[in-house]
Amino acid sequence: MTESPVGPMPSRPEPRIRFLDPSTARRSPGQRQVGSTWYVADRLLVRGGLPDSIRGRLRAPEGASGLPAVLSLEPSGDEDAAAAGFERAARRQGCHVGVEVRYRHGAEPAADAQPLDLVDEDQGFVLRLIADRPDVQPDAWEVLEEDARDESTPWTLSLDHVMTALPFTTHPFTTHPFTTHPFTTHPFTTHPFTTHPFAAQPFTTHPFTTHGMAEYGVPGSGGRSPVAWLGAPPTRRVRDDGDESRTPDGAVRPVVAIVDTGIGTHPWFGTYGLDADQDEGNGVVIRGSKLPDGPIGTYPVPELPEEDAEIGGASTAPLTGPLDPVAGHGTFIAGIVHQTCPDARLLPVRVVGGAGAAIESEVIESLRRLLRFHRQGLAGEAGYVAVDVVVLPMGYYHEQPEDLQWDHPLSDVLARLRDSGVAVVVAAGNDGETRPEFPAAFAPEVDRRATPPRIVRARDTSVQRPPILAVGAANPDGSTALFSNDGPWVTCVRPGAAVVSTVPRTLDGPSTPSLRTRERFADAVRSTIDPEGFQGGFATWSGTSFAAPVLAGEIARELLAERSRPALPADATLAGSADRADRDGEARVAAIWRAISGATGGLSFDEASTPG
């Protein structure tokens, strides 16, 4: 993957990002080796709730009005062992400590109530290192190290990682991800044909000048490139009464949430614009879905349409181009789900911009908001829908994966989604690595050689909790793509290299055809292919990001097939056989398990053969 910086959005402060280099990282004596990762320099995730020793020292900042987003932690003396470890490290850096909080819906400040009394503790907490002077450079890793050495500290902290949603190019971060141009040279350094293409055999030498994994980033060999779609749109059954939530036979359509960049304008998906009045989903996309306090996804909508990943796709280099690394990424995923299960409804949840880098804590918050939206849909509240499948096409490498616990905030919110009857499908990663990428590596270990595939280490999977499903990528001939990460935590592989799918018709980057002239015998233009002209609405692309939605669509298709079955008197647990089954937690979980088993060739949970 190429270096892929995130350009700051107009309304969004640039995160302080650091790279953890194993060769230079400070480590405690006797500590295990650390792996490389990117993290937010001034934030730490808090696992679990706040200990009383911390809770009792939280105050609203001086002069704050309303409900402050960050509560100040009153300083303790160095002799206070309950909190002195991490606080001493913060002070040495020239920082004081705050705790980022989320409030209960509808909470209002009151004279007789402390802000902490109104906090929604289900939404978790983030520790903030607040610089005392402009020249201070916080470093969460040093604070984490100090906290880990202090056994008396009554909580557990972890880095706030940078997650990437990039399709395959080359490694995503060869330099700082938030400061440099994503391309150091023009993406196409030479003319594709060094001689006239038809003067002799079209390929007198090997057609690809790159080799190995790098081939997948080249247009024509799996890289993002415009193509022409000649087939008909996927066949979607439509009701005469206009009810978009059900099929003509009355079955509830499965809802697939795509946690990514959004879904742009395309004939299959209607129109998308920064103005909500412009949005229309063509009966397929559930546009404009919100909670009372704002959109489900927390990534801010840019002020300019040109900087929106699903409109103009030019946020990282708006003046010079090329298109953002993941411009059109969410629409491409949507097209794959739609091709696999045309009768599904698609719910876009925006967590990342065109540069393809997201902050772990913000992804977690968006997933918690999606869970809230889902639960209100289960309760039958107007304006909400229950979600059946979540596609999460992004991940990060943990610096010490052996220490990652199941109460980690990211693992926790994914577990709560699954407990609520939602299948969670994630991408395995695109680095050709066996190093675990998370959240994919939260998935149970699977023996893929067995028929049917068998869970050999359940981790947090059970009959009551369906598994996280980690998906690798396959080439068009069925072989595993060279870039696809692998390990026992990969559930299966699906097509993910040189896949054809949808892109927004509004994407038209500054790269131009190598030759362009007026047609001689018609009022038209003659040219080579415009490498960044996607007005046709279709492209090829490669990445495990595009393998995951294949499995998600297959699960949705299995759910719909079961919901469309006529219900027998003794068949009341079938999802969709009655509206009760759509709201009953146990029935939903059982239906998700059956759909997963059907889509994966028989994967199931056997307590006798799946140790934790």
Foldseek 3Di string as FASTA:
>chain_A
DFAFADEDFPVGDDFAKDKQDQVPHDADPPDDGWDIFMFGFWKKFWFDFDDPVQVVQWACDPPDPKQDQKTFGDDDDCVPLQPNQLQVQLVVLQWGKIKGFAFDPPDTDDPPDTSVVGTDCVLGIMMGTHHPDPVGGGGVSSSQNSVVVRPNHPTHIGTFGKKFLFFDAADHRPDPRHDDFRDPDDPDPDDQDPDDCPPDPNDPDPSDPDDFSNQCCDPVFFRWFADFDDDDFDDEAADPVRPLQAHNLGFGFAEEEEAEQFAADDPQAHHDDPDQVRDDGNSAEPPPQPDPVGRLADDDDHPDQLFRLQFNQQRRPNPPDDGQSCRQVSNQLVFLLCNLAVSHHYYYHHADGRSRIGTNSRSLSSLVSVLVLQLVQLVVDPRGHHHAEYEAEMWIAGGCVVPDDCSRSVNVSLQSSQLQQHAYFYEQFFALEQRGTPPLQQFAFWDVVDQVIEGQAHNPDDLSGHTYAYEFAADPVGHGRNRTHDDRSHQYYAHFGQDKGFGHLNYAGPQAFPDKDADDPDRGIDTDGRRGRHNSGMIGHGRSSNRRSSLVSQLSVQLSVQLSDAADPVRVLRQNNDSVNSNDSSSSSNSSQVSNCVSRRGYHDDPVRHHD
